[in-house]
Structure formats: C-alpha cells, structure tokens
Amino acid sequence: MHRTSTRVLLSCAAIGVVGGVVAGASGYLAAAFAVFGPMLYGLTVGTHFLPSVIALALLKRPGAAVLAGLIAGLVGAAFAPWWLWRYVGAGLLVGLLIEVPFLVTRYRRWDPWLFYVAAGFSGLVIAVAVFIGLGAEHYAWWAWAIALPLWVLSPVLFTWIGRVIAARLAKAGVAQAA
C-alpha cells in the first residue's frame, strides 16, 4: 500500500489555504460581475484552478489536486458561509477534472500540455453547464459570444499562472524531500 507523506499533505494544505483566500476574494468579485456585468462572470472561475494546478504541478502526486481543491473550497467558504457547497463543489470538481489526463496516463507523464488540455476541457464543461443553467434565452447572443470564451479561457490563463507559481516554488526548493 502506498502511503502519502506528511510533507505532501501539509503542502496540499498550505496551497489549499492560500487558494481558498484567493477563491474567497474572487467570490465577491464574481458577485459584483453577476450584478453589473454578468457576461464577465467567467473571468473569476479560473481562480478555483490555482490551488489544484499548483499542488499537482509542484508535488506530482495522485490526489494532490483534489485535496488542495477541497481545502481551498473549505477555506473559501469561511469568507462566505452561505456559499459553502458552491466552494467545496467547485474545488472538488476542478481538482477531479485537472487530474483526469494524469490519471489516464497513470501519473507517468507530466507534460505541460496535459494541464492546459485539462483546463480547457474543464472550462468547456463549466461553460456548457452555465449556458444550460442560466438559460440561453435570458441573454442576448452577443452576451453569450463574450461570456462563453471567458469561461473557457479563464481556467487556461489561471492554469498558466499556477504552473508559473509551482515552477518558482520548485526552484526555491519547496518541493524537495528532506
């Protein structure tokens, strides 16, 4: 049986806490977008990708993205308890979707493009769900023409940011075994 080290668990926890603070702040920004410019709401979805991408890119361990996403969801919910299941659900969903291509490769390949494929696919899944959930008939075609690409591109952008952060942390020696 494979045992996960305390170092990996604590690293996921630290990454998840920071990601939860970012997600908590972006939740209020998302609420403002929902009121004043709903077609821009998709810009904020990418923040939920940061902890999962950082954890998986830095630690390269199965389950790291899911655990960091779960912790980020719990911490984010501390800033807006009425959105508890929204944050926890988003963290788990994103963590699972980010891990899928690595699971398919049995966690033997860590090519950068796998992160971007996962992010783009995840963004597409979320965009379609939002399109159906909000109802296409409630908004003009041009609003959807702006909104849907943002739902897909935001996760890709934040995946890139997460990979840059993970690379800098690795260079600083954060992920080294003792």
N, C-alpha and C. Protein backbone atom coordinates (compact mmCIF):
# COMPACT_ATOMS: atom_id res chain seq x y z
N MET A 1 0.84 -1.18 0.00
CA MET A 1 0.00 0.00 0.00
C MET A 1 0.89 1.24 0.00
N HIS A 2 0.54 2.21 -0.84
CA HIS A 2 1.30 3.46 -0.94
C HIS A 2 0.84 4.42 0.14
N ARG A 3 1.79 4.97 0.87
CA ARG A 3 1.45 5.93 1.92
C ARG A 3 1.84 7.32 1.47
N THR A 4 1.00 8.27 1.76
CA THR A 4 1.27 9.67 1.42
C THR A 4 2.01 10.30 2.59
N SER A 5 3.09 11.00 2.27
CA SER A 5 3.90 11.59 3.32
C SER A 5 3.23 12.81 3.94
N THR A 6 3.63 13.11 5.15
CA THR A 6 3.15 14.30 5.84
C THR A 6 3.53 15.55 5.07
N ARG A 7 4.69 15.53 4.44
CA ARG A 7 5.15 16.68 3.65
C ARG A 7 4.17 16.99 2.53
N VAL A 8 3.70 15.96 1.84
CA VAL A 8 2.75 16.16 0.75
C VAL A 8 1.42 16.67 1.29
N LEU A 9 0.94 16.08 2.38
CA LEU A 9 -0.33 16.51 2.96
C LEU A 9 -0.28 17.96 3.43
N LEU A 10 0.81 18.32 4.11
CA LEU A 10 0.93 19.70 4.60
C LEU A 10 1.13 20.69 3.46
N SER A 11 1.82 20.26 2.42
CA SER A 11 1.98 21.13 1.25
C SER A 11 0.63 21.38 0.58
N CYS A 12 -0.16 20.33 0.43
CA CYS A 12 -1.51 20.49 -0.13
C CYS A 12 -2.36 21.40 0.75
N ALA A 13 -2.22 21.25 2.06
CA ALA A 13 -2.98 22.09 2.98
C ALA A 13 -2.58 23.56 2.84
N ALA A 14 -1.29 23.83 2.80
CA ALA A 14 -0.82 25.22 2.68
C ALA A 14 -1.27 25.83 1.35
N ILE A 15 -1.12 25.07 0.28
CA ILE A 15 -1.55 25.55 -1.04
C ILE A 15 -3.06 25.77 -1.05
N GLY A 16 -3.79 24.85 -0.45
CA GLY A 16 -5.25 24.97 -0.38
C GLY A 16 -5.71 26.17 0.41
N VAL A 17 -5.03 26.48 1.51
CA VAL A 17 -5.40 27.64 2.32
C VAL A 17 -5.21 28.93 1.53
N VAL A 18 -4.06 29.06 0.90
CA VAL A 18 -3.81 30.27 0.09
C VAL A 18 -4.81 30.34 -1.07
N GLY A 19 -5.06 29.21 -1.71
CA GLY A 19 -6.04 29.18 -2.80
C GLY A 19 -7.44 29.51 -2.31
N GLY A 20 -7.77 29.10 -1.09
CA GLY A 20 -9.07 29.42 -0.51
C GLY A 20 -9.25 30.90 -0.25
N VAL A 21 -8.18 31.55 0.18
CA VAL A 21 -8.24 33.00 0.39
C VAL A 21 -8.49 33.71 -0.94
N VAL A 22 -7.77 33.26 -1.98
CA VAL A 22 -7.97 33.84 -3.32
C VAL A 22 -9.39 33.57 -3.80
N ALA A 23 -9.87 32.34 -3.61
CA ALA A 23 -11.23 31.99 -4.05
C ALA A 23 -12.28 32.78 -3.27
N GLY A 24 -12.04 32.98 -1.98
CA GLY A 24 -12.98 33.77 -1.18
C GLY A 24 -13.10 35.19 -1.69
N ALA A 25 -11.96 35.79 -2.00
CA ALA A 25 -11.97 37.15 -2.54
C ALA A 25 -12.62 37.19 -3.92
N SER A 26 -12.31 36.21 -4.74
CA SER A 26 -12.88 36.21 -6.10
C SER A 26 -14.39 35.95 -6.07
N GLY A 27 -14.88 35.32 -5.01
CA GLY A 27 -16.32 35.12 -4.88
C GLY A 27 -17.08 36.43 -4.81
N TYR A 28 -16.51 37.39 -4.09
CA TYR A 28 -17.16 38.70 -4.02
C TYR A 28 -17.03 39.45 -5.34
N LEU A 29 -15.91 39.28 -6.01
CA LEU A 29 -15.76 39.88 -7.34
C LEU A 29 -16.75 39.26 -8.31
N ALA A 30 -16.93 37.95 -8.21
CA ALA A 30 -17.90 37.26 -9.07
C ALA A 30 -19.31 37.76 -8.81
N ALA A 31 -19.64 38.01 -7.55
CA ALA A 31 -20.97 38.54 -7.22
C ALA A 31 -21.17 39.91 -7.85
N ALA A 32 -20.13 40.73 -7.82
CA ALA A 32 -20.22 42.06 -8.44
C ALA A 32 -20.39 41.93 -9.95
N PHE A 33 -19.64 41.02 -10.56
CA PHE A 33 -19.79 40.79 -12.00
C PHE A 33 -21.20 40.30 -12.33
N ALA A 34 -21.73 39.41 -11.49
CA ALA A 34 -23.06 38.87 -11.75
C ALA A 34 -24.12 39.97 -11.77
N VAL A 35 -23.90 41.01 -10.97
CA VAL A 35 -24.86 42.12 -10.91
C VAL A 35 -24.61 43.14 -12.01
N PHE A 36 -23.36 43.55 -12.16
CA PHE A 36 -23.05 44.68 -13.04
C PHE A 36 -22.60 44.30 -14.46
N GLY A 37 -22.12 43.10 -14.63
CA GLY A 37 -21.67 42.67 -15.96
C GLY A 37 -21.62 41.17 -16.04
N PRO A 38 -22.79 40.51 -16.08
CA PRO A 38 -22.83 39.05 -16.00
C PRO A 38 -22.00 38.33 -17.06
N MET A 39 -21.79 38.99 -18.21
CA MET A 39 -21.01 38.30 -19.24
C MET A 39 -19.53 38.20 -18.86
N LEU A 40 -19.09 38.96 -17.84
CA LEU A 40 -17.70 38.90 -17.39
C LEU A 40 -17.49 37.95 -16.22
N TYR A 41 -18.57 37.37 -15.74
CA TYR A 41 -18.53 36.47 -14.58
C TYR A 41 -17.53 35.33 -14.77
N GLY A 42 -17.40 34.84 -15.98
CA GLY A 42 -16.50 33.72 -16.26
C GLY A 42 -15.04 34.01 -15.99
N LEU A 43 -14.66 35.28 -15.93
CA LEU A 43 -13.26 35.62 -15.63
C LEU A 43 -12.82 35.07 -14.28
N THR A 44 -13.74 34.99 -13.33
CA THR A 44 -13.37 34.60 -11.97
C THR A 44 -13.28 33.09 -11.77
N VAL A 45 -13.82 32.30 -12.67
CA VAL A 45 -13.83 30.85 -12.48
C VAL A 45 -12.41 30.28 -12.44
N GLY A 46 -11.49 30.92 -13.12
CA GLY A 46 -10.12 30.43 -13.17
C GLY A 46 -9.42 30.41 -11.82
N THR A 47 -9.86 31.27 -10.90
CA THR A 47 -9.20 31.30 -9.58
C THR A 47 -9.36 29.98 -8.85
N HIS A 48 -10.42 29.25 -9.14
CA HIS A 48 -10.62 27.95 -8.50
C HIS A 48 -9.61 26.92 -8.99
N PHE A 49 -8.94 27.20 -10.10
CA PHE A 49 -7.96 26.27 -10.66
C PHE A 49 -6.59 26.42 -10.02
N LEU A 50 -6.31 27.58 -9.44
CA LEU A 50 -4.97 27.85 -8.91
C LEU A 50 -4.48 26.80 -7.91
N PRO A 51 -5.19 26.52 -6.81
CA PRO A 51 -4.64 25.58 -5.83
C PRO A 51 -4.45 24.18 -6.40
N SER A 52 -5.40 23.71 -7.19
CA SER A 52 -5.28 22.36 -7.74
C SER A 52 -4.11 22.24 -8.70
N VAL A 53 -3.94 23.24 -9.56
CA VAL A 53 -2.84 23.22 -10.53
C VAL A 53 -1.50 23.35 -9.82
N ILE A 54 -1.41 24.27 -8.86
CA ILE A 54 -0.14 24.45 -8.14
C ILE A 54 0.24 23.15 -7.44
N ALA A 55 -0.71 22.54 -6.72
CA ALA A 55 -0.41 21.32 -5.97
C ALA A 55 0.03 20.19 -6.90
N LEU A 56 -0.70 19.99 -7.99
CA LEU A 56 -0.37 18.88 -8.89
C LEU A 56 0.94 19.12 -9.63
N ALA A 57 1.16 20.36 -10.08
CA ALA A 57 2.40 20.66 -10.81
C ALA A 57 3.62 20.63 -9.90
N LEU A 58 3.45 21.03 -8.66
CA LEU A 58 4.57 21.08 -7.73
C LEU A 58 4.89 19.70 -7.14
N LEU A 59 3.86 19.00 -6.69
CA LEU A 59 4.07 17.76 -5.95
C LEU A 59 4.07 16.51 -6.83
N LYS A 60 3.38 16.58 -7.97
CA LYS A 60 3.31 15.45 -8.91
C LYS A 60 2.90 14.15 -8.20
N ARG A 61 1.81 14.25 -7.45
CA ARG A 61 1.30 13.10 -6.72
C ARG A 61 -0.19 12.93 -7.01
N PRO A 62 -0.65 11.68 -7.18
CA PRO A 62 -2.08 11.46 -7.38
C PRO A 62 -2.90 12.00 -6.21
N GLY A 63 -3.98 12.67 -6.53
CA GLY A 63 -4.86 13.20 -5.50
C GLY A 63 -4.49 14.57 -4.96
N ALA A 64 -3.32 15.08 -5.32
CA ALA A 64 -2.89 16.38 -4.80
C ALA A 64 -3.83 17.49 -5.23
N ALA A 65 -4.29 17.45 -6.47
CA ALA A 65 -5.19 18.50 -6.98
C ALA A 65 -6.54 18.44 -6.27
N VAL A 66 -7.04 17.24 -6.04
CA VAL A 66 -8.34 17.09 -5.38
C VAL A 66 -8.25 17.56 -3.93
N LEU A 67 -7.19 17.16 -3.23
CA LEU A 67 -7.04 17.56 -1.83
C LEU A 67 -6.87 19.07 -1.69
N ALA A 68 -6.01 19.66 -2.50
CA ALA A 68 -5.80 21.11 -2.44
C ALA A 68 -7.09 21.84 -2.81
N GLY A 69 -7.82 21.34 -3.80
CA GLY A 69 -9.09 21.96 -4.18
C GLY A 69 -10.13 21.88 -3.08
N LEU A 70 -10.19 20.73 -2.40
CA LEU A 70 -11.13 20.57 -1.28
C LEU A 70 -10.81 21.54 -0.16
N ILE A 71 -9.54 21.62 0.21
CA ILE A 71 -9.13 22.53 1.29
C ILE A 71 -9.39 23.98 0.88
N ALA A 72 -9.10 24.32 -0.36
CA ALA A 72 -9.37 25.68 -0.85
C ALA A 72 -10.86 25.98 -0.77
N GLY A 73 -11.69 25.01 -1.10
CA GLY A 73 -13.14 25.21 -1.01
C GLY A 73 -13.60 25.45 0.41
N LEU A 74 -13.06 24.69 1.35
CA LEU A 74 -13.43 24.88 2.76
C LEU A 74 -12.98 26.24 3.28
N VAL A 75 -11.76 26.64 2.92
CA VAL A 75 -11.25 27.94 3.36
C VAL A 75 -12.02 29.07 2.68
N GLY A 76 -12.29 28.94 1.40
CA GLY A 76 -13.06 29.96 0.68
C GLY A 76 -14.44 30.14 1.29
N ALA A 77 -15.04 29.05 1.74
CA ALA A 77 -16.37 29.12 2.34
C ALA A 77 -16.36 29.86 3.67
N ALA A 78 -15.21 29.96 4.31
CA ALA A 78 -15.12 30.74 5.55
C ALA A 78 -15.40 32.22 5.30
N PHE A 79 -15.14 32.68 4.09
CA PHE A 79 -15.39 34.08 3.75
C PHE A 79 -16.84 34.31 3.34
N ALA A 80 -17.52 33.27 2.95
CA ALA A 80 -18.92 33.37 2.54
C ALA A 80 -19.60 32.03 2.86
N PRO A 81 -19.95 31.81 4.14
CA PRO A 81 -20.50 30.51 4.55
C PRO A 81 -21.76 30.09 3.78
N TRP A 82 -22.53 31.05 3.30
CA TRP A 82 -23.74 30.72 2.55
C TRP A 82 -23.40 30.06 1.21
N TRP A 83 -22.14 30.14 0.79
CA TRP A 83 -21.70 29.50 -0.45
C TRP A 83 -20.85 28.27 -0.17
N LEU A 84 -21.01 27.66 0.99
CA LEU A 84 -20.18 26.51 1.39
C LEU A 84 -20.12 25.45 0.30
N TRP A 85 -21.26 24.95 -0.14
CA TRP A 85 -21.27 23.85 -1.09
C TRP A 85 -20.82 24.30 -2.47
N ARG A 86 -20.99 25.57 -2.76
CA ARG A 86 -20.51 26.10 -4.03
C ARG A 86 -18.98 26.06 -4.08
N TYR A 87 -18.34 26.50 -3.00
CA TYR A 87 -16.88 26.50 -2.94
C TYR A 87 -16.32 25.08 -2.88
N VAL A 88 -16.89 24.26 -2.00
CA VAL A 88 -16.41 22.88 -1.86
C VAL A 88 -16.65 22.11 -3.16
N GLY A 89 -17.82 22.27 -3.74
CA GLY A 89 -18.12 21.59 -5.01
C GLY A 89 -17.19 22.03 -6.13
N ALA A 90 -16.94 23.34 -6.21
CA ALA A 90 -16.03 23.85 -7.25
C ALA A 90 -14.62 23.31 -7.04
N GLY A 91 -14.15 23.30 -5.79
CA GLY A 91 -12.81 22.79 -5.51
C GLY A 91 -12.66 21.32 -5.88
N LEU A 92 -13.65 20.52 -5.51
CA LEU A 92 -13.61 19.09 -5.84
C LEU A 92 -13.74 18.85 -7.33
N LEU A 93 -14.68 19.54 -7.97
CA LEU A 93 -14.88 19.35 -9.41
C LEU A 93 -13.63 19.73 -10.19
N VAL A 94 -13.06 20.88 -9.88
CA VAL A 94 -11.86 21.33 -10.59
C VAL A 94 -10.70 20.37 -10.32
N GLY A 95 -10.52 19.97 -9.06
CA GLY A 95 -9.45 19.03 -8.74
C GLY A 95 -9.58 17.73 -9.52
N LEU A 96 -10.79 17.20 -9.59
CA LEU A 96 -11.02 15.96 -10.34
C LEU A 96 -10.78 16.15 -11.83
N LEU A 97 -11.30 17.24 -12.39
CA LEU A 97 -11.14 17.46 -13.83
C LEU A 97 -9.67 17.70 -14.20
N ILE A 98 -8.92 18.36 -13.33
CA ILE A 98 -7.50 18.60 -13.61
C ILE A 98 -6.72 17.28 -13.56
N GLU A 99 -7.12 16.38 -12.69
CA GLU A 99 -6.38 15.12 -12.55
C GLU A 99 -6.70 14.08 -13.63
N VAL A 100 -7.80 14.23 -14.34
CA VAL A 100 -8.22 13.21 -15.31
C VAL A 100 -7.14 12.84 -16.32
N PRO A 101 -6.50 13.81 -17.03
CA PRO A 101 -5.50 13.40 -18.02
C PRO A 101 -4.29 12.69 -17.40
N PHE A 102 -3.98 13.04 -16.17
CA PHE A 102 -2.84 12.41 -15.50
C PHE A 102 -3.22 11.01 -15.03
N LEU A 103 -4.48 10.84 -14.64
CA LEU A 103 -4.98 9.52 -14.29
C LEU A 103 -4.96 8.60 -15.51
N VAL A 104 -5.35 9.14 -16.66
CA VAL A 104 -5.35 8.36 -17.90
C VAL A 104 -3.93 7.88 -18.22
N THR A 105 -2.94 8.72 -17.95
CA THR A 105 -1.54 8.33 -18.20
C THR A 105 -0.94 7.60 -16.99
N ARG A 106 -1.79 7.28 -16.02
CA ARG A 106 -1.38 6.59 -14.79
C ARG A 106 -0.30 7.36 -14.04
N TYR A 107 -0.38 8.67 -14.12
CA TYR A 107 0.53 9.58 -13.43
C TYR A 107 1.99 9.33 -13.80
N ARG A 108 2.22 8.94 -15.04
CA ARG A 108 3.59 8.71 -15.53
C ARG A 108 4.08 9.83 -16.42
N ARG A 109 3.17 10.65 -16.92
CA ARG A 109 3.54 11.78 -17.80
C ARG A 109 3.11 13.08 -17.13
N TRP A 110 4.00 14.05 -17.16
CA TRP A 110 3.73 15.34 -16.54
C TRP A 110 3.96 16.47 -17.54
N ASP A 111 3.64 16.21 -18.79
CA ASP A 111 3.83 17.21 -19.84
C ASP A 111 2.95 18.43 -19.57
N PRO A 112 3.48 19.62 -19.82
CA PRO A 112 2.70 20.85 -19.59
C PRO A 112 1.38 20.88 -20.35
N TRP A 113 1.37 20.35 -21.57
CA TRP A 113 0.15 20.42 -22.36
C TRP A 113 -1.01 19.68 -21.72
N LEU A 114 -0.72 18.67 -20.89
CA LEU A 114 -1.80 17.95 -20.20
C LEU A 114 -2.57 18.87 -19.26
N PHE A 115 -1.84 19.79 -18.60
CA PHE A 115 -2.50 20.75 -17.72
C PHE A 115 -3.46 21.64 -18.52
N TYR A 116 -2.99 22.09 -19.69
CA TYR A 116 -3.80 23.01 -20.49
C TYR A 116 -5.00 22.31 -21.14
N VAL A 117 -4.82 21.06 -21.54
CA VAL A 117 -5.94 20.29 -22.07
C VAL A 117 -6.99 20.11 -20.98
N ALA A 118 -6.53 19.77 -19.78
CA ALA A 118 -7.46 19.60 -18.66
C ALA A 118 -8.19 20.90 -18.35
N ALA A 119 -7.47 22.01 -18.35
CA ALA A 119 -8.09 23.30 -18.05
C ALA A 119 -9.08 23.72 -19.13
N GLY A 120 -8.70 23.56 -20.37
CA GLY A 120 -9.60 23.91 -21.47
C GLY A 120 -10.86 23.06 -21.47
N PHE A 121 -10.69 21.75 -21.27
CA PHE A 121 -11.84 20.85 -21.21
C PHE A 121 -12.73 21.20 -20.03
N SER A 122 -12.11 21.46 -18.87
CA SER A 122 -12.87 21.82 -17.68
C SER A 122 -13.65 23.10 -17.91
N GLY A 123 -12.99 24.09 -18.50
CA GLY A 123 -13.67 25.35 -18.79
C GLY A 123 -14.85 25.15 -19.73
N LEU A 124 -14.67 24.27 -20.71
CA LEU A 124 -15.75 23.97 -21.66
C LEU A 124 -16.92 23.30 -20.95
N VAL A 125 -16.62 22.34 -20.08
CA VAL A 125 -17.68 21.66 -19.32
C VAL A 125 -18.44 22.67 -18.47
N ILE A 126 -17.71 23.54 -17.78
CA ILE A 126 -18.35 24.54 -16.92
C ILE A 126 -19.15 25.54 -17.76
N ALA A 127 -18.60 25.95 -18.91
CA ALA A 127 -19.30 26.90 -19.78
C ALA A 127 -20.62 26.32 -20.28
N VAL A 128 -20.61 25.07 -20.68
CA VAL A 128 -21.84 24.43 -21.15
C VAL A 128 -22.85 24.33 -20.01
N ALA A 129 -22.38 23.97 -18.82
CA ALA A 129 -23.28 23.88 -17.66
C ALA A 129 -23.90 25.24 -17.34
N VAL A 130 -23.10 26.29 -17.41
CA VAL A 130 -23.61 27.64 -17.14
C VAL A 130 -24.60 28.06 -18.23
N PHE A 131 -24.27 27.77 -19.46
CA PHE A 131 -25.14 28.11 -20.60
C PHE A 131 -26.52 27.47 -20.41
N ILE A 132 -26.52 26.21 -20.02
CA ILE A 132 -27.78 25.49 -19.81
C ILE A 132 -28.46 25.97 -18.52
N GLY A 133 -27.65 26.12 -17.46
CA GLY A 133 -28.19 26.51 -16.16
C GLY A 133 -28.81 27.90 -16.13
N LEU A 134 -28.16 28.86 -16.76
CA LEU A 134 -28.69 30.23 -16.78
C LEU A 134 -29.77 30.42 -17.82
N GLY A 135 -29.77 29.58 -18.81
CA GLY A 135 -30.77 29.68 -19.86
C GLY A 135 -30.35 30.65 -20.94
N ALA A 136 -30.08 30.11 -22.10
CA ALA A 136 -29.61 30.92 -23.22
C ALA A 136 -30.62 32.00 -23.61
N GLU A 137 -31.87 31.73 -23.38
CA GLU A 137 -32.91 32.67 -23.80
C GLU A 137 -32.95 33.95 -22.96
N HIS A 138 -32.28 33.95 -21.82
CA HIS A 138 -32.33 35.12 -20.94
C HIS A 138 -31.32 36.20 -21.30
N TYR A 139 -30.41 35.91 -22.21
CA TYR A 139 -29.37 36.88 -22.57
C TYR A 139 -29.28 37.00 -24.09
N ALA A 140 -28.81 38.15 -24.53
CA ALA A 140 -28.62 38.38 -25.97
C ALA A 140 -27.49 37.51 -26.49
N TRP A 141 -27.50 37.25 -27.79
CA TRP A 141 -26.47 36.40 -28.40
C TRP A 141 -25.08 36.99 -28.19
N TRP A 142 -24.94 38.32 -28.24
CA TRP A 142 -23.63 38.94 -28.10
C TRP A 142 -23.09 38.78 -26.68
N ALA A 143 -23.98 38.70 -25.69
CA ALA A 143 -23.54 38.47 -24.31
C ALA A 143 -22.93 37.07 -24.18
N TRP A 144 -23.57 36.09 -24.81
CA TRP A 144 -23.02 34.73 -24.80
C TRP A 144 -21.73 34.65 -25.61
N ALA A 145 -21.65 35.44 -26.68
CA ALA A 145 -20.43 35.46 -27.51
C ALA A 145 -19.24 35.99 -26.72
N ILE A 146 -19.50 36.83 -25.74
CA ILE A 146 -18.44 37.34 -24.86
C ILE A 146 -18.20 36.36 -23.70
N ALA A 147 -19.30 35.90 -23.09
CA ALA A 147 -19.20 35.12 -21.86
C ALA A 147 -18.59 33.73 -22.05
N LEU A 148 -19.04 32.98 -23.03
CA LEU A 148 -18.59 31.59 -23.17
C LEU A 148 -17.08 31.46 -23.38
N PRO A 149 -16.46 32.29 -24.23
CA PRO A 149 -15.00 32.19 -24.35
C PRO A 149 -14.27 32.52 -23.03
N LEU A 150 -14.83 33.43 -22.24
CA LEU A 150 -14.21 33.76 -20.96
C LEU A 150 -14.25 32.57 -20.00
N TRP A 151 -15.35 31.81 -20.04
CA TRP A 151 -15.47 30.63 -19.19
C TRP A 151 -14.44 29.57 -19.57
N VAL A 152 -14.06 29.52 -20.83
CA VAL A 152 -13.08 28.53 -21.30
C VAL A 152 -11.66 29.06 -21.12
N LEU A 153 -11.43 30.32 -21.41
CA LEU A 153 -10.07 30.88 -21.38
C LEU A 153 -9.58 31.19 -19.97
N SER A 154 -10.47 31.55 -19.07
CA SER A 154 -10.06 31.87 -17.70
C SER A 154 -9.35 30.70 -17.02
N PRO A 155 -9.88 29.47 -17.08
CA PRO A 155 -9.15 28.35 -16.49
C PRO A 155 -7.78 28.12 -17.13
N VAL A 156 -7.68 28.33 -18.43
CA VAL A 156 -6.38 28.15 -19.11
C VAL A 156 -5.39 29.20 -18.62
N LEU A 157 -5.83 30.45 -18.51
CA LEU A 157 -4.96 31.52 -18.01
C LEU A 157 -4.50 31.24 -16.58
N PHE A 158 -5.42 30.86 -15.71
CA PHE A 158 -5.06 30.61 -14.32
C PHE A 158 -4.25 29.31 -14.18
N THR A 159 -4.39 28.39 -15.11
CA THR A 159 -3.53 27.20 -15.12
C THR A 159 -2.11 27.61 -15.43
N TRP A 160 -1.94 28.50 -16.39
CA TRP A 160 -0.60 29.01 -16.71
C TRP A 160 -0.01 29.71 -15.48
N ILE A 161 -0.78 30.57 -14.83
CA ILE A 161 -0.31 31.27 -13.62
C ILE A 161 0.06 30.25 -12.55
N GLY A 162 -0.77 29.23 -12.35
CA GLY A 162 -0.50 28.20 -11.36
C GLY A 162 0.77 27.42 -11.66
N ARG A 163 1.01 27.13 -12.93
CA ARG A 163 2.23 26.42 -13.30
C ARG A 163 3.47 27.29 -13.08
N VAL A 164 3.35 28.58 -13.35
CA VAL A 164 4.46 29.51 -13.10
C VAL A 164 4.77 29.55 -11.60
N ILE A 165 3.74 29.66 -10.77
CA ILE A 165 3.94 29.67 -9.32
C ILE A 165 4.57 28.37 -8.86
N ALA A 166 4.09 27.24 -9.36
CA ALA A 166 4.65 25.93 -8.98
C ALA A 166 6.11 25.83 -9.38
N ALA A 167 6.45 26.32 -10.57
CA ALA A 167 7.86 26.28 -11.02
C ALA A 167 8.74 27.13 -10.12
N ARG A 168 8.25 28.29 -9.71
CA ARG A 168 9.02 29.16 -8.82
C ARG A 168 9.18 28.53 -7.44
N LEU A 169 8.14 27.90 -6.95
CA LEU A 169 8.23 27.21 -5.66
C LEU A 169 9.21 26.05 -5.73
N ALA A 170 9.18 25.30 -6.82
CA ALA A 170 10.12 24.18 -7.00
C ALA A 170 11.55 24.69 -7.08
N LYS A 171 11.74 25.80 -7.78
CA LYS A 171 13.08 26.38 -7.90
C LYS A 171 13.60 26.85 -6.54
N ALA A 172 12.69 27.31 -5.69
CA ALA A 172 13.06 27.76 -4.35
C ALA A 172 13.30 26.58 -3.40
N GLY A 173 12.99 25.36 -3.86
CA GLY A 173 13.25 24.17 -3.05
C GLY A 173 12.10 23.74 -2.16
N VAL A 174 10.92 24.28 -2.39
CA VAL A 174 9.77 23.97 -1.55
C VAL A 174 9.37 22.50 -1.65
N ALA A 175 9.49 21.91 -2.81
CA ALA A 175 9.01 20.54 -3.01
C ALA A 175 10.08 19.47 -2.77
N GLN A 176 11.24 19.86 -2.33
CA GLN A 176 12.31 18.87 -2.12
C GLN A 176 12.01 18.00 -0.91
N ALA A 177 12.36 16.73 -1.03
CA ALA A 177 12.23 15.82 0.10
C ALA A 177 13.35 16.09 1.09
N ALA A 178 13.06 15.87 2.34
CA ALA A 178 14.06 16.15 3.39
C ALA A 178 15.20 15.18 3.37
